[in-house]
Amino acid sequence: MHTIKAHAKVNIFLKITGHKDGYHTLLSRFVRVEDLYDTITFEPCECDSFTIEGCDDVPTKSNTIYKAYSALLKHGNSEELSNFFAKHKVVVTKKIPSQAGLGGGSSDAAAFMRLANEVCDLQIDTEALAKIGSTIGADLPFFIYNYPSANVSGFGEIVEAFEEAPLEFELYIPEIGCDTTIVYKTFNKYLLQYISLASFFGWERLDSRTLLNLVPDPIALNDLYPAALVAYPELEELDREGWFFSGSGSTFFRLKNN
C-alpha cells in the first residue's frame, strides 16, 4: 500500500494580469495549508478498469485524478502504469471541501502524479511532471513542485519557491460552493476591462504576513473576490474584518497568531 498527502492551499493574493485564448494569466502567492489535506492511497485490488474510490459524487472520467492518469499514459510508460493500476485502486480520503478555493481537486491529481511517478518508477523529472499537470489544470504545477510557499504566474505554469517563515491558518469554509468557471465568467463580464497591473507592483517580493498587514483589504488582494460577490451575493453577509478570500472561493482565511 502506498500513501501520499494532498494538501490544501490558500492564495495570499491573486491578481489577474491578462486574458489570452480563453485563459487568464495571473500573479499569485500560493501557500500550503499544513493541517488540511486529502489522502491518496494505492491499495491492492484486482481491477477491471482504472478505479477511484472516495469521490462518489464525481464520475470517474470527470475526476482530476483520472485526467492525470490519462495524461501520464499519453506521456509514455503506459505499460508500467496500466499494469500497476490493474492490480491497485486509488482510494481518496477527502477532507478538503470542493468549490472552496482550496485547490482540493488539483492537489489530489498532483499528489496522484507524484506518487505514481515514484511507485511506477516513471523517472519523470519534476519540471516535466508539472508541464504534464498544467494540461489538466492551472493549479497543478504548484502542487507538483510541492513548495510550502510560491509565487505562481503565467497560466499557472511558472512556479517560483518563496522563502518565508511557516504560516498557520484559520479557515472559515461556508456552506456555499463557488464554481470556478462561473466566477471567472463573471470576472470577464464585469471586471476584466478594469485590470490595473500597477496596483500590485512588487507584492511578489513581500512575505505573506507583511503583505496581509500592509494591504488588509480582501478585495484589493484578490481580483476574483469581487466577481465571487457578484456571482454569489450571499458571500457578502459572511465578510468579516481581518479575514481574506482564497482563490475563487468560498473559503475565508486569516493567519493564526497575527
C-alpha atoms as a PDB file:
ATOM      1  CA  MET A   1       0.000   0.000   0.000  1.00  0.00           C
ATOM      2  CA  HIS A   2       1.309   3.457  -0.936  1.00  0.00           C
ATOM      3  CA  THR A   3       0.055   6.750   0.533  1.00  0.00           C
ATOM      4  CA  ILE A   4       0.608  10.479  -0.021  1.00  0.00           C
ATOM      5  CA  LYS A   5      -0.911  13.650   1.439  1.00  0.00           C
ATOM      6  CA  ALA A   6      -2.620  16.141  -0.887  1.00  0.00           C
ATOM      7  CA  HIS A   7      -2.559  19.482   0.943  1.00  0.00           C
ATOM      8  CA  ALA A   8      -4.946  22.406   0.528  1.00  0.00           C
ATOM      9  CA  LYS A   9      -3.645  25.850  -0.434  1.00  0.00           C
ATOM     10  CA  VAL A  10      -4.688  29.443   0.105  1.00  0.00           C
ATOM     11  CA  ASN A  11      -3.945  32.417  -2.121  1.00  0.00           C
ATOM     12  CA  ILE A  12      -2.427  35.274  -0.119  1.00  0.00           C
ATOM     13  CA  PHE A  13      -3.066  37.463  -3.131  1.00  0.00           C
ATOM     14  CA  LEU A  14      -4.374  36.714  -6.615  1.00  0.00           C
ATOM     15  CA  LYS A  15      -4.181  39.247  -9.414  1.00  0.00           C
ATOM     16  CA  ILE A  16      -5.359  38.642 -12.965  1.00  0.00           C
ATOM     17  CA  THR A  17      -2.735  40.049 -15.339  1.00  0.00           C
ATOM     18  CA  GLY A  18      -4.326  39.303 -18.702  1.00  0.00           C
ATOM     19  CA  HIS A  19      -6.527  37.111 -20.849  1.00  0.00           C
ATOM     20  CA  LYS A  20      -5.482  35.095 -23.898  1.00  0.00           C
ATOM     21  CA  ASP A  21      -7.143  32.330 -25.925  1.00  0.00           C
ATOM     22  CA  GLY A  22      -9.863  31.894 -23.327  1.00  0.00           C
ATOM     23  CA  TYR A  23      -7.412  31.542 -20.423  1.00  0.00           C
ATOM     24  CA  HIS A  24      -6.306  34.021 -17.760  1.00  0.00           C
ATOM     25  CA  THR A  25      -2.756  34.892 -16.801  1.00  0.00           C
ATOM     26  CA  LEU A  26      -2.188  35.673 -13.155  1.00  0.00           C
ATOM     27  CA  LEU A  27       0.258  36.511 -10.437  1.00  0.00           C
ATOM     28  CA  SER A  28      -0.463  34.901  -7.082  1.00  0.00           C
ATOM     29  CA  ARG A  29       1.144  33.742  -3.853  1.00  0.00           C
ATOM     30  CA  PHE A  30       0.131  30.159  -3.110  1.00  0.00           C
ATOM     31  CA  VAL A  31       0.775  28.837   0.401  1.00  0.00           C
ATOM     32  CA  ARG A  32       0.297  25.252   1.512  1.00  0.00           C
ATOM     33  CA  VAL A  33      -2.119  24.615   4.396  1.00  0.00           C
ATOM     34  CA  GLU A  34      -0.216  22.117   6.523  1.00  0.00           C
ATOM     35  CA  ASP A  35      -3.112  20.854   8.644  1.00  0.00           C
ATOM     36  CA  LEU A  36      -5.748  20.321   5.912  1.00  0.00           C
ATOM     37  CA  TYR A  37      -5.196  17.590   3.353  1.00  0.00           C
ATOM     38  CA  ASP A  38      -6.774  14.722   1.472  1.00  0.00           C
ATOM     39  CA  THR A  39      -5.014  11.370   1.496  1.00  0.00           C
ATOM     40  CA  ILE A  40      -4.373   9.412  -1.705  1.00  0.00           C
ATOM     41  CA  THR A  41      -3.697   5.699  -1.270  1.00  0.00           C
ATOM     42  CA  PHE A  42      -2.916   2.964  -3.817  1.00  0.00           C
ATOM     43  CA  GLU A  43      -4.470  -0.226  -2.429  1.00  0.00           C
ATOM     44  CA  PRO A  44      -4.172  -3.748  -3.863  1.00  0.00           C
ATOM     45  CA  CYS A  45      -7.222  -4.646  -5.940  1.00  0.00           C
ATOM     46  CA  GLU A  46      -7.963  -6.770  -8.987  1.00  0.00           C
ATOM     47  CA  CYS A  47      -9.498  -4.010 -11.113  1.00  0.00           C
ATOM     48  CA  ASP A  48     -11.306  -4.373 -14.449  1.00  0.00           C
ATOM     49  CA  SER A  49     -10.569  -0.708 -15.153  1.00  0.00           C
ATOM     50  CA  PHE A  50      -8.900   2.300 -13.504  1.00  0.00           C
ATOM     51  CA  THR A  51     -10.725   2.571 -10.173  1.00  0.00           C
ATOM     52  CA  ILE A  52     -11.139   5.557  -7.842  1.00  0.00           C
ATOM     53  CA  GLU A  53     -12.928   5.269  -4.504  1.00  0.00           C
ATOM     54  CA  GLY A  54     -13.895   8.113  -2.180  1.00  0.00           C
ATOM     55  CA  CYS A  55     -15.098  10.597  -4.814  1.00  0.00           C
ATOM     56  CA  ASP A  56     -18.568   9.133  -5.314  1.00  0.00           C
ATOM     57  CA  ASP A  57     -20.139  12.428  -6.395  1.00  0.00           C
ATOM     58  CA  VAL A  58     -17.704  12.784  -9.330  1.00  0.00           C
ATOM     59  CA  PRO A  59     -17.913  10.445 -12.358  1.00  0.00           C
ATOM     60  CA  THR A  60     -14.563   8.692 -12.856  1.00  0.00           C
ATOM     61  CA  LYS A  61     -13.800  10.257 -16.240  1.00  0.00           C
ATOM     62  CA  SER A  62     -14.528  13.754 -14.875  1.00  0.00           C
ATOM     63  CA  ASN A  63     -12.206  13.225 -11.894  1.00  0.00           C
ATOM     64  CA  THR A  64      -8.936  15.168 -11.995  1.00  0.00           C
ATOM     65  CA  ILE A  65      -7.114  12.012 -10.844  1.00  0.00           C
ATOM     66  CA  TYR A  66      -8.405  10.109 -13.876  1.00  0.00           C
ATOM     67  CA  LYS A  67      -7.362  13.015 -16.111  1.00  0.00           C
ATOM     68  CA  ALA A  68      -3.898  12.888 -14.527  1.00  0.00           C
ATOM     69  CA  TYR A  69      -3.706   9.131 -15.143  1.00  0.00           C
ATOM     70  CA  SER A  70      -4.716   9.623 -18.787  1.00  0.00           C
ATOM     71  CA  ALA A  71      -2.125  12.386 -19.227  1.00  0.00           C
ATOM     72  CA  LEU A  72       0.612  10.155 -17.796  1.00  0.00           C
ATOM     73  CA  LEU A  73      -0.415   7.330 -20.144  1.00  0.00           C
ATOM     74  CA  LYS A  74      -0.076   9.668 -23.129  1.00  0.00           C
ATOM     75  CA  HIS A  75       3.354  10.767 -21.953  1.00  0.00           C
ATOM     76  CA  GLY A  76       4.672   7.202 -22.146  1.00  0.00           C
ATOM     77  CA  ASN A  77       5.408   4.380 -19.677  1.00  0.00           C
ATOM     78  CA  SER A  78       1.857   3.238 -20.367  1.00  0.00           C
ATOM     79  CA  GLU A  79       2.651  -0.431 -19.741  1.00  0.00           C
ATOM     80  CA  GLU A  80       4.035   0.146 -16.232  1.00  0.00           C
ATOM     81  CA  LEU A  81       1.080   2.363 -15.321  1.00  0.00           C
ATOM     82  CA  SER A  82      -1.680   0.190 -16.753  1.00  0.00           C
ATOM     83  CA  ASN A  83      -0.189  -2.964 -15.216  1.00  0.00           C
ATOM     84  CA  PHE A  84       0.091  -1.335 -11.791  1.00  0.00           C
ATOM     85  CA  PHE A  85      -3.455   0.049 -11.832  1.00  0.00           C
ATOM     86  CA  ALA A  86      -4.861  -3.268 -12.989  1.00  0.00           C
ATOM     87  CA  LYS A  87      -3.742  -4.522  -9.577  1.00  0.00           C
ATOM     88  CA  HIS A  88      -4.319  -1.402  -7.477  1.00  0.00           C
ATOM     89  CA  LYS A  89      -7.154   1.050  -6.912  1.00  0.00           C
ATOM     90  CA  VAL A  90      -6.920   4.711  -5.921  1.00  0.00           C
ATOM     91  CA  VAL A  91      -8.614   5.467  -2.598  1.00  0.00           C
ATOM     92  CA  VAL A  92      -9.180   9.129  -1.741  1.00  0.00           C
ATOM     93  CA  THR A  93      -9.906  10.167   1.834  1.00  0.00           C
ATOM     94  CA  LYS A  94     -11.448  13.618   1.394  1.00  0.00           C
ATOM     95  CA  LYS A  95     -11.011  16.381   3.939  1.00  0.00           C
ATOM     96  CA  ILE A  96     -10.739  19.381   1.591  1.00  0.00           C
ATOM     97  CA  PRO A  97     -14.205  20.624   0.561  1.00  0.00           C
ATOM     98  CA  SER A  98     -14.893  21.121  -3.137  1.00  0.00           C
ATOM     99  CA  GLN A  99     -15.666  24.548  -4.654  1.00  0.00           C
ATOM    100  CA  ALA A 100     -13.928  26.183  -1.694  1.00  0.00           C
ATOM    101  CA  GLY A 101     -10.934  27.888  -3.330  1.00  0.00           C
ATOM    102  CA  LEU A 102      -8.545  25.485  -1.598  1.00  0.00           C
ATOM    103  CA  GLY A 103      -7.396  23.532  -4.663  1.00  0.00           C
ATOM    104  CA  GLY A 104      -8.583  20.120  -3.471  1.00  0.00           C
ATOM    105  CA  GLY A 105      -9.168  18.510  -6.866  1.00  0.00           C
ATOM    106  CA  SER A 106      -5.911  19.862  -8.275  1.00  0.00           C
ATOM    107  CA  SER A 107      -3.966  18.812  -5.196  1.00  0.00           C
ATOM    108  CA  ASP A 108      -5.402  15.282  -5.424  1.00  0.00           C
ATOM    109  CA  ALA A 109      -4.382  14.983  -9.085  1.00  0.00           C
ATOM    110  CA  ALA A 110      -0.896  16.364  -8.418  1.00  0.00           C
ATOM    111  CA  ALA A 111      -0.352  14.041  -5.443  1.00  0.00           C
ATOM    112  CA  PHE A 112      -1.515  11.116  -7.595  1.00  0.00           C
ATOM    113  CA  MET A 113       1.029  12.057 -10.281  1.00  0.00           C
ATOM    114  CA  ARG A 114       3.873  12.406  -7.774  1.00  0.00           C
ATOM    115  CA  LEU A 115       3.078   9.063  -6.132  1.00  0.00           C
ATOM    116  CA  ALA A 116       2.537   7.204  -9.436  1.00  0.00           C
ATOM    117  CA  ASN A 117       5.816   8.629 -10.763  1.00  0.00           C
ATOM    118  CA  GLU A 118       7.624   7.242  -7.715  1.00  0.00           C
ATOM    119  CA  VAL A 119       5.853   3.898  -7.319  1.00  0.00           C
ATOM    120  CA  CYS A 120       5.875   3.011 -11.028  1.00  0.00           C
ATOM    121  CA  ASP A 121       9.442   4.333 -11.443  1.00  0.00           C
ATOM    122  CA  LEU A 122       8.407   6.534 -14.380  1.00  0.00           C
ATOM    123  CA  GLN A 123      11.522   8.715 -13.900  1.00  0.00           C
ATOM    124  CA  ILE A 124       9.761  11.924 -14.976  1.00  0.00           C
ATOM    125  CA  ASP A 125      11.554  14.937 -13.503  1.00  0.00           C
ATOM    126  CA  THR A 126       9.556  17.500 -11.534  1.00  0.00           C
ATOM    127  CA  GLU A 127       9.602  20.148 -14.267  1.00  0.00           C
ATOM    128  CA  ALA A 128       8.285  17.702 -16.881  1.00  0.00           C
ATOM    129  CA  LEU A 129       5.680  16.373 -14.439  1.00  0.00           C
ATOM    130  CA  ALA A 130       4.488  19.942 -13.768  1.00  0.00           C
ATOM    131  CA  LYS A 131       4.228  20.566 -17.507  1.00  0.00           C
ATOM    132  CA  ILE A 132       2.009  17.490 -17.883  1.00  0.00           C
ATOM    133  CA  GLY A 133      -0.034  18.658 -14.885  1.00  0.00           C
ATOM    134  CA  SER A 134      -0.577  22.097 -16.426  1.00  0.00           C
ATOM    135  CA  THR A 135      -2.578  20.448 -19.237  1.00  0.00           C
ATOM    136  CA  ILE A 136      -5.134  19.341 -16.608  1.00  0.00           C
ATOM    137  CA  GLY A 137      -5.469  22.497 -14.511  1.00  0.00           C
ATOM    138  CA  ALA A 138      -3.730  25.772 -13.721  1.00  0.00           C
ATOM    139  CA  ASP A 139      -3.135  24.915 -10.032  1.00  0.00           C
ATOM    140  CA  LEU A 140      -1.454  21.545 -10.615  1.00  0.00           C
ATOM    141  CA  PRO A 141       2.128  22.780 -11.167  1.00  0.00           C
ATOM    142  CA  PHE A 142       2.174  24.418  -7.710  1.00  0.00           C
ATOM    143  CA  PHE A 143       1.106  21.166  -6.063  1.00  0.00           C
ATOM    144  CA  ILE A 144       3.553  19.106  -8.136  1.00  0.00           C
ATOM    145  CA  TYR A 145       6.520  21.282  -7.157  1.00  0.00           C
ATOM    146  CA  ASN A 146       5.250  20.904  -3.558  1.00  0.00           C
ATOM    147  CA  TYR A 147       6.763  24.140  -2.223  1.00  0.00           C
ATOM    148  CA  PRO A 148       5.345  25.386   1.111  1.00  0.00           C
ATOM    149  CA  SER A 149       5.064  28.863  -0.447  1.00  0.00           C
ATOM    150  CA  ALA A 150       5.493  30.029  -4.039  1.00  0.00           C
ATOM    151  CA  ASN A 151       4.816  32.849  -6.446  1.00  0.00           C
ATOM    152  CA  VAL A 152       2.752  31.479  -9.317  1.00  0.00           C
ATOM    153  CA  SER A 153       2.430  33.318 -12.618  1.00  0.00           C
ATOM    154  CA  GLY A 154       1.674  32.939 -16.324  1.00  0.00           C
ATOM    155  CA  PHE A 155      -1.164  30.453 -16.787  1.00  0.00           C
ATOM    156  CA  GLY A 156      -0.111  28.789 -13.527  1.00  0.00           C
ATOM    157  CA  GLU A 157       2.861  27.022 -15.081  1.00  0.00           C
ATOM    158  CA  ILE A 158       5.531  29.366 -13.660  1.00  0.00           C
ATOM    159  CA  VAL A 159       6.130  28.371 -10.036  1.00  0.00           C
ATOM    160  CA  GLU A 160       8.921  30.039  -8.061  1.00  0.00           C
ATOM    161  CA  ALA A 161       9.585  28.986  -4.477  1.00  0.00           C
ATOM    162  CA  PHE A 162       9.223  31.817  -1.961  1.00  0.00           C
ATOM    163  CA  GLU A 163      11.247  31.529   1.232  1.00  0.00           C
ATOM    164  CA  GLU A 164       9.317  32.656   4.301  1.00  0.00           C
ATOM    165  CA  ALA A 165       8.576  31.554   7.848  1.00  0.00           C
ATOM    166  CA  PRO A 166       5.945  28.780   8.085  1.00  0.00           C
ATOM    167  CA  LEU A 167       2.395  30.076   8.386  1.00  0.00           C
ATOM    168  CA  GLU A 168      -0.598  28.660  10.228  1.00  0.00           C
ATOM    169  CA  PHE A 169      -4.089  29.498   9.015  1.00  0.00           C
ATOM    170  CA  GLU A 170      -7.541  29.645  10.483  1.00  0.00           C
ATOM    171  CA  LEU A 171     -10.141  28.796   7.835  1.00  0.00           C
ATOM    172  CA  TYR A 172     -13.820  29.612   7.607  1.00  0.00           C
ATOM    173  CA  ILE A 173     -15.484  27.461   4.934  1.00  0.00           C
ATOM    174  CA  PRO A 174     -19.136  28.432   4.426  1.00  0.00           C
ATOM    175  CA  GLU A 175     -21.854  26.133   3.125  1.00  0.00           C
ATOM    176  CA  ILE A 176     -21.599  27.856  -0.253  1.00  0.00           C
ATOM    177  CA  GLY A 177     -19.807  26.246  -3.177  1.00  0.00           C
ATOM    178  CA  CYS A 178     -18.263  28.678  -5.656  1.00  0.00           C
ATOM    179  CA  ASP A 179     -17.967  27.284  -9.174  1.00  0.00           C
ATOM    180  CA  THR A 180     -14.607  28.487 -10.514  1.00  0.00           C
ATOM    181  CA  THR A 181     -15.897  28.673 -14.096  1.00  0.00           C
ATOM    182  CA  ILE A 182     -18.829  30.886 -13.065  1.00  0.00           C
ATOM    183  CA  VAL A 183     -16.562  33.185 -11.026  1.00  0.00           C
ATOM    184  CA  TYR A 184     -14.149  33.632 -13.953  1.00  0.00           C
ATOM    185  CA  LYS A 185     -17.016  34.258 -16.389  1.00  0.00           C
ATOM    186  CA  THR A 186     -18.372  36.910 -14.015  1.00  0.00           C
ATOM    187  CA  PHE A 187     -14.913  38.460 -13.794  1.00  0.00           C
ATOM    188  CA  ASN A 188     -14.680  38.598 -17.596  1.00  0.00           C
ATOM    189  CA  LYS A 189     -18.081  40.222 -17.912  1.00  0.00           C
ATOM    190  CA  TYR A 190     -17.756  42.908 -15.255  1.00  0.00           C
ATOM    191  CA  LEU A 191     -14.118  43.357 -14.208  1.00  0.00           C
ATOM    192  CA  LEU A 192     -11.630  42.288 -16.897  1.00  0.00           C
ATOM    193  CA  GLN A 193     -11.624  45.731 -18.513  1.00  0.00           C
ATOM    194  CA  TYR A 194     -10.526  47.373 -15.228  1.00  0.00           C
ATOM    195  CA  ILE A 195      -7.290  45.392 -14.693  1.00  0.00           C
ATOM    196  CA  SER A 196      -4.529  47.680 -13.406  1.00  0.00           C
ATOM    197  CA  LEU A 197      -1.129  46.000 -13.314  1.00  0.00           C
ATOM    198  CA  ALA A 198       0.476  48.891 -11.423  1.00  0.00           C
ATOM    199  CA  SER A 199      -1.795  48.368  -8.414  1.00  0.00           C
ATOM    200  CA  PHE A 200       0.178  45.396  -7.060  1.00  0.00           C
ATOM    201  CA  PHE A 201       3.709  46.079  -8.272  1.00  0.00           C
ATOM    202  CA  GLY A 202       6.233  44.353  -6.007  1.00  0.00           C
ATOM    203  CA  TRP A 203       3.811  42.248  -3.971  1.00  0.00           C
ATOM    204  CA  GLU A 204       5.599  39.062  -5.012  1.00  0.00           C
ATOM    205  CA  ARG A 205       8.693  40.250  -3.097  1.00  0.00           C
ATOM    206  CA  LEU A 206       6.892  40.776   0.233  1.00  0.00           C
ATOM    207  CA  ASP A 207       6.444  37.932   2.697  1.00  0.00           C
ATOM    208  CA  SER A 208       2.845  36.857   3.211  1.00  0.00           C
ATOM    209  CA  ARG A 209       2.461  38.107   6.793  1.00  0.00           C
ATOM    210  CA  THR A 210       3.814  41.549   5.867  1.00  0.00           C
ATOM    211  CA  LEU A 211       1.561  41.763   2.815  1.00  0.00           C
ATOM    212  CA  LEU A 212      -1.617  40.863   4.710  1.00  0.00           C
ATOM    213  CA  ASN A 213      -0.792  43.535   7.303  1.00  0.00           C
ATOM    214  CA  LEU A 214       0.116  46.112   4.663  1.00  0.00           C
ATOM    215  CA  VAL A 215      -2.972  45.522   2.477  1.00  0.00           C
ATOM    216  CA  PRO A 216      -5.750  44.408   4.864  1.00  0.00           C
ATOM    217  CA  ASP A 217      -8.411  44.577   2.121  1.00  0.00           C
ATOM    218  CA  PRO A 218      -9.541  41.208   0.695  1.00  0.00           C
ATOM    219  CA  ILE A 219     -10.986  42.877  -2.422  1.00  0.00           C
ATOM    220  CA  ALA A 220      -7.679  44.612  -3.207  1.00  0.00           C
ATOM    221  CA  LEU A 221      -5.722  41.393  -2.674  1.00  0.00           C
ATOM    222  CA  ASN A 222      -7.902  39.019  -4.690  1.00  0.00           C
ATOM    223  CA  ASP A 223      -9.319  40.018  -8.099  1.00  0.00           C
ATOM    224  CA  LEU A 224     -11.716  37.068  -8.001  1.00  0.00           C
ATOM    225  CA  TYR A 225     -13.382  38.115  -4.740  1.00  0.00           C
ATOM    226  CA  PRO A 226     -15.474  40.937  -6.294  1.00  0.00           C
ATOM    227  CA  ALA A 227     -16.501  38.534  -9.065  1.00  0.00           C
ATOM    228  CA  ALA A 228     -17.477  35.898  -6.487  1.00  0.00           C
ATOM    229  CA  LEU A 229     -19.548  38.527  -4.626  1.00  0.00           C
ATOM    230  CA  VAL A 230     -21.464  39.294  -7.828  1.00  0.00           C
ATOM    231  CA  ALA A 231     -21.976  35.602  -8.664  1.00  0.00           C
ATOM    232  CA  TYR A 232     -22.765  34.600  -5.060  1.00  0.00           C
ATOM    233  CA  PRO A 233     -24.135  37.710  -3.276  1.00  0.00           C
ATOM    234  CA  GLU A 234     -24.782  35.730  -0.090  1.00  0.00           C
ATOM    235  CA  LEU A 235     -20.984  35.801   0.484  1.00  0.00           C
ATOM    236  CA  GLU A 236     -21.252  39.472   1.427  1.00  0.00           C
ATOM    237  CA  GLU A 237     -23.103  38.559   4.622  1.00  0.00           C
ATOM    238  CA  LEU A 238     -20.140  36.396   5.634  1.00  0.00           C
ATOM    239  CA  ASP A 239     -17.462  39.038   5.076  1.00  0.00           C
ATOM    240  CA  ARG A 240     -15.710  39.778   8.376  1.00  0.00           C
ATOM    241  CA  GLU A 241     -12.955  42.229   9.183  1.00  0.00           C
ATOM    242  CA  GLY A 242      -9.497  40.700   9.256  1.00  0.00           C
ATOM    243  CA  TRP A 243     -10.409  37.753   7.004  1.00  0.00           C
ATOM    244  CA  PHE A 244      -9.234  37.201   3.429  1.00  0.00           C
ATOM    245  CA  PHE A 245     -10.647  35.271   0.464  1.00  0.00           C
ATOM    246  CA  SER A 246      -8.855  32.335  -1.173  1.00  0.00           C
ATOM    247  CA  GLY A 247      -8.894  31.777  -4.922  1.00  0.00           C
ATOM    248  CA  SER A 248     -12.358  31.736  -6.472  1.00  0.00           C
ATOM    249  CA  GLY A 249     -13.828  30.951  -3.041  1.00  0.00           C
ATOM    250  CA  SER A 250     -15.707  30.276  -0.949  1.00  0.00           C
ATOM    251  CA  THR A 251     -13.121  29.958   1.851  1.00  0.00           C
ATOM    252  CA  PHE A 252     -12.138  32.875   4.081  1.00  0.00           C
ATOM    253  CA  PHE A 253      -8.833  32.676   5.963  1.00  0.00           C
ATOM    254  CA  ARG A 254      -6.689  34.573   8.410  1.00  0.00           C
ATOM    255  CA  LEU A 255      -3.315  33.981   9.987  1.00  0.00           C
ATOM    256  CA  LYS A 256      -3.112  32.434  13.429  1.00  0.00           C
ATOM    257  CA  ASN A 257      -1.012  34.398  15.937  1.00  0.00           C
ATOM    258  CA  ASN A 258      -1.023  37.502  13.751  1.00  0.00           C
END
